[in-house]
């Protein structure tokens, strides 16, 4: 059964990381019932860390993720996510979106599956 994180647990995790640091996960996990050190680490690393960007992807980031995925970090999501300051799942979903819609990064055109051409992203016009 999956245990979800409550807001008070997130706040306790933030406070305990400020107190004990990010290298003492066994000590931090003792503050939580039914949470392991791996659970605490993953919650911090993937969602609560202030270094993780949660904003809309910029064109520069799209270029970086696309070319890094194709050349340097192919399927090395943890390295790529650290490089882009995003979490692992954000990077996976973004590259899948870029590849699915066949977005051309070099030019300012986006090719959708139905061969619609849109300039500067999608609009509400048909």
Protein backbone atom coordinates (compact mmCIF):
# COMPACT_ATOMS: atom_id res chain seq x y z
CA UNK A 1 0.00 0.00 0.00
CA UNK A 2 1.33 3.39 -0.98
CA UNK A 3 1.79 5.93 1.77
CA UNK A 4 1.18 9.50 0.68
CA UNK A 5 2.98 12.49 2.13
CA UNK A 6 0.93 15.00 4.10
CA UNK A 7 1.74 18.69 4.21
CA UNK A 8 2.81 18.46 7.85
CA UNK A 9 5.22 15.63 6.93
CA UNK A 10 6.68 17.75 4.12
CA UNK A 11 7.21 20.61 6.56
CA UNK A 12 8.82 18.26 9.09
CA UNK A 13 11.12 16.91 6.38
CA UNK A 14 12.16 20.45 5.39
CA UNK A 15 12.84 21.34 9.03
CA UNK A 16 14.80 18.16 9.71
CA UNK A 17 16.94 18.70 6.60
CA UNK A 18 17.78 22.21 7.80
CA UNK A 19 18.74 20.73 11.17
CA UNK A 20 20.57 17.52 10.13
CA UNK A 21 21.60 18.24 6.53
CA UNK A 22 21.12 16.15 3.39
CA UNK A 23 23.58 13.39 4.29
CA UNK A 24 21.92 12.04 7.43
CA UNK A 25 18.86 10.25 6.01
CA UNK A 26 18.78 7.48 8.62
CA UNK A 27 18.46 10.06 11.42
CA UNK A 28 15.84 12.01 9.48
CA UNK A 29 13.77 8.90 8.74
CA UNK A 30 13.48 8.07 12.47
CA UNK A 31 11.25 11.15 12.83
CA UNK A 32 8.66 9.58 10.52
CA UNK A 33 6.56 6.52 11.12
CA UNK A 34 6.30 4.23 8.07
CA UNK A 35 8.85 6.21 6.06
CA UNK A 36 12.25 4.77 5.22
CA UNK A 37 15.41 6.75 4.58
CA UNK A 38 14.93 6.02 0.89
CA UNK A 39 11.40 7.48 1.02
CA UNK A 40 12.70 10.62 2.72
CA UNK A 41 15.58 10.99 0.27
CA UNK A 42 13.34 10.53 -2.78
CA UNK A 43 10.73 12.97 -1.46
CA UNK A 44 13.42 15.60 -0.94
CA UNK A 45 15.37 14.92 -4.14
CA UNK A 46 12.35 14.76 -6.47
CA UNK A 47 9.84 17.22 -5.01
CA UNK A 48 10.83 19.39 -2.07
CA UNK A 49 14.36 20.53 -2.88
CA UNK A 50 14.41 24.25 -3.68
CA UNK A 51 16.89 23.61 -6.51
CA UNK A 52 14.23 21.72 -8.51
CA UNK A 53 12.57 23.97 -11.08
CA UNK A 54 8.80 23.67 -11.26
CA UNK A 55 8.25 26.37 -13.86
CA UNK A 56 7.35 26.06 -17.53
CA UNK A 57 10.12 24.71 -19.74
CA UNK A 58 12.06 27.40 -21.60
CA UNK A 59 13.22 27.01 -25.20
CA UNK A 60 16.82 26.92 -23.97
CA UNK A 61 15.98 23.99 -21.67
CA UNK A 62 14.22 22.19 -24.52
CA UNK A 63 17.33 22.52 -26.65
CA UNK A 64 19.54 21.31 -23.79
CA UNK A 65 17.41 18.29 -22.95
CA UNK A 66 16.93 17.33 -26.59
CA UNK A 67 20.57 17.52 -27.61
CA UNK A 68 21.83 16.07 -24.29
CA UNK A 69 19.45 13.15 -24.64
CA UNK A 70 20.50 12.46 -28.22
CA UNK A 71 24.23 12.79 -27.68
CA UNK A 72 25.62 12.76 -24.16
CA UNK A 73 23.16 11.46 -21.56
CA UNK A 74 21.02 9.04 -23.53
CA UNK A 75 18.67 7.42 -20.97
CA UNK A 76 20.76 8.59 -18.01
CA UNK A 77 17.88 10.46 -16.42
CA UNK A 78 19.42 11.15 -13.02
CA UNK A 79 22.49 12.82 -14.56
CA UNK A 80 20.35 14.77 -17.00
CA UNK A 81 17.95 15.88 -14.27
CA UNK A 82 20.81 17.12 -12.07
CA UNK A 83 22.22 19.00 -15.06
CA UNK A 84 18.88 20.73 -15.78
CA UNK A 85 17.81 21.22 -12.12
CA UNK A 86 14.60 19.29 -12.77
CA UNK A 87 13.45 16.02 -11.30
CA UNK A 88 13.85 12.73 -13.14
CA UNK A 89 10.18 12.40 -14.10
CA UNK A 90 10.02 15.94 -15.47
CA UNK A 91 12.90 15.12 -17.83
CA UNK A 92 11.40 11.81 -18.93
CA UNK A 93 7.99 13.33 -19.67
CA UNK A 94 9.49 16.33 -21.43
CA UNK A 95 11.68 14.32 -23.80
CA UNK A 96 8.73 12.00 -24.56
CA UNK A 97 6.61 15.04 -25.36
CA UNK A 98 9.30 16.50 -27.60
CA UNK A 99 9.74 13.22 -29.45
CA UNK A 100 6.00 12.43 -29.68
CA UNK A 101 5.05 15.75 -31.20
CA UNK A 102 8.26 15.84 -33.24
CA UNK A 103 8.98 19.37 -32.16
CA UNK A 104 11.69 20.98 -34.22
CA UNK A 105 13.96 22.72 -31.77
CA UNK A 106 16.29 24.37 -34.29
CA UNK A 107 13.66 26.48 -35.98
CA UNK A 108 10.67 28.27 -34.56
CA UNK A 109 8.20 25.71 -35.94
CA UNK A 110 6.37 22.94 -34.15
CA UNK A 111 5.19 19.92 -36.14
CA UNK A 112 2.20 18.11 -34.69
CA UNK A 113 1.08 14.65 -35.76
CA UNK A 114 -1.71 16.01 -37.93
CA UNK A 115 0.80 18.10 -39.94
CA UNK A 116 -0.43 21.39 -38.49
CA UNK A 117 2.13 24.13 -38.51
CA UNK A 118 2.07 26.52 -35.61
CA UNK A 119 4.49 29.35 -35.06
CA UNK A 120 5.58 30.18 -31.49
CA UNK A 121 3.63 27.31 -29.93
CA UNK A 122 -0.03 26.25 -29.94
CA UNK A 123 -2.83 28.75 -30.31
CA UNK A 124 -6.60 28.54 -29.94
CA UNK A 125 -7.19 29.04 -33.69
CA UNK A 126 -8.06 26.09 -35.91
